[in-house]
Amino acid sequence: MPDIKCNVTECNYNNDVKCNAPMIQVNRNHSSKSATSDETKCETFRPAES
């Protein structure tokens, strides 16, 4: 998988501002068509383990 930058440091898959999830799922954010990144959301997010 190519390097994917992620600034969500509280995500379990964040490793030095890079996503290390085995796969990534991104969905629309309550819209039928997305025109900007704000209209999407990452479904792969998992809270970081303590």
C-alpha atoms as a PDB file:
ATOM      1  CA  MET A   1       0.000   0.000   0.000  1.00  0.00           C
ATOM      2  CA  PRO A   2       1.339   3.502  -0.748  1.00  0.00           C
ATOM      3  CA  ASP A   3       2.147   5.857   2.132  1.00  0.00           C
ATOM      4  CA  ILE A   4      -1.026   7.502   3.392  1.00  0.00           C
ATOM      5  CA  LYS A   5      -0.611  10.577   5.571  1.00  0.00           C
ATOM      6  CA  CYS A   6      -2.898  10.738   8.599  1.00  0.00           C
ATOM      7  CA  ASN A   7      -3.031  13.547  11.155  1.00  0.00           C
ATOM      8  CA  VAL A   8      -5.487  11.692  13.416  1.00  0.00           C
ATOM      9  CA  THR A   9      -2.902  10.833  16.053  1.00  0.00           C
ATOM     10  CA  GLU A  10      -5.518   9.246  18.337  1.00  0.00           C
ATOM     11  CA  CYS A  11      -6.113   6.475  15.775  1.00  0.00           C
ATOM     12  CA  ASN A  12      -4.663   3.049  16.556  1.00  0.00           C
ATOM     13  CA  TYR A  13      -3.411   2.758  12.958  1.00  0.00           C
ATOM     14  CA  ASN A  14      -1.447   6.032  13.054  1.00  0.00           C
ATOM     15  CA  ASN A  15       2.293   5.408  13.022  1.00  0.00           C
ATOM     16  CA  ASP A  16       4.390   8.590  12.876  1.00  0.00           C
ATOM     17  CA  VAL A  17       1.676  10.463  10.909  1.00  0.00           C
ATOM     18  CA  LYS A  18       1.262   7.567   8.447  1.00  0.00           C
ATOM     19  CA  CYS A  19      -1.621   5.118   8.295  1.00  0.00           C
ATOM     20  CA  ASN A  20      -0.520   1.506   8.782  1.00  0.00           C
ATOM     21  CA  ALA A  21      -3.971  -0.118   8.535  1.00  0.00           C
ATOM     22  CA  PRO A  22      -4.093  -3.288   6.396  1.00  0.00           C
ATOM     23  CA  MET A  23      -6.852  -1.666   4.315  1.00  0.00           C
ATOM     24  CA  ILE A  24      -8.645   1.678   4.254  1.00  0.00           C
ATOM     25  CA  GLN A  25     -12.334   2.340   3.778  1.00  0.00           C
ATOM     26  CA  VAL A  26     -13.528   5.860   3.002  1.00  0.00           C
ATOM     27  CA  ASN A  27     -17.220   6.647   2.665  1.00  0.00           C
ATOM     28  CA  ARG A  28     -19.313   9.650   1.801  1.00  0.00           C
ATOM     29  CA  ASN A  29     -20.290  11.856   4.698  1.00  0.00           C
ATOM     30  CA  HIS A  30     -24.100  12.140   4.396  1.00  0.00           C
ATOM     31  CA  SER A  31     -24.100  13.229   0.753  1.00  0.00           C
ATOM     32  CA  SER A  32     -24.987  11.513  -2.494  1.00  0.00           C
ATOM     33  CA  LYS A  33     -21.895  12.940  -4.210  1.00  0.00           C
ATOM     34  CA  SER A  34     -18.685  14.249  -2.677  1.00  0.00           C
ATOM     35  CA  ALA A  35     -17.019  17.354  -4.069  1.00  0.00           C
ATOM     36  CA  THR A  36     -14.518  18.025  -1.257  1.00  0.00           C
ATOM     37  CA  SER A  37     -12.583  15.946   1.277  1.00  0.00           C
ATOM     38  CA  ASP A  38     -14.802  17.381   4.031  1.00  0.00           C
ATOM     39  CA  GLU A  39     -17.678  15.439   2.473  1.00  0.00           C
ATOM     40  CA  THR A  40     -15.919  12.117   3.105  1.00  0.00           C
ATOM     41  CA  LYS A  41     -14.987  10.145   6.211  1.00  0.00           C
ATOM     42  CA  CYS A  42     -12.544   7.387   7.116  1.00  0.00           C
ATOM     43  CA  GLU A  43     -14.368   4.257   8.309  1.00  0.00           C
ATOM     44  CA  THR A  44     -11.052   2.540   9.163  1.00  0.00           C
ATOM     45  CA  PHE A  45     -10.488   4.692  12.285  1.00  0.00           C
ATOM     46  CA  ARG A  46      -9.972   2.806  15.527  1.00  0.00           C
ATOM     47  CA  PRO A  47      -9.223   4.541  18.856  1.00  0.00           C
ATOM     48  CA  ALA A  48      -5.622   4.121  20.000  1.00  0.00           C
ATOM     49  CA  GLU A  49      -5.080   1.477  22.648  1.00  0.00           C
ATOM     50  CA  SER A  50      -4.017   2.699  26.057  1.00  0.00           C
END
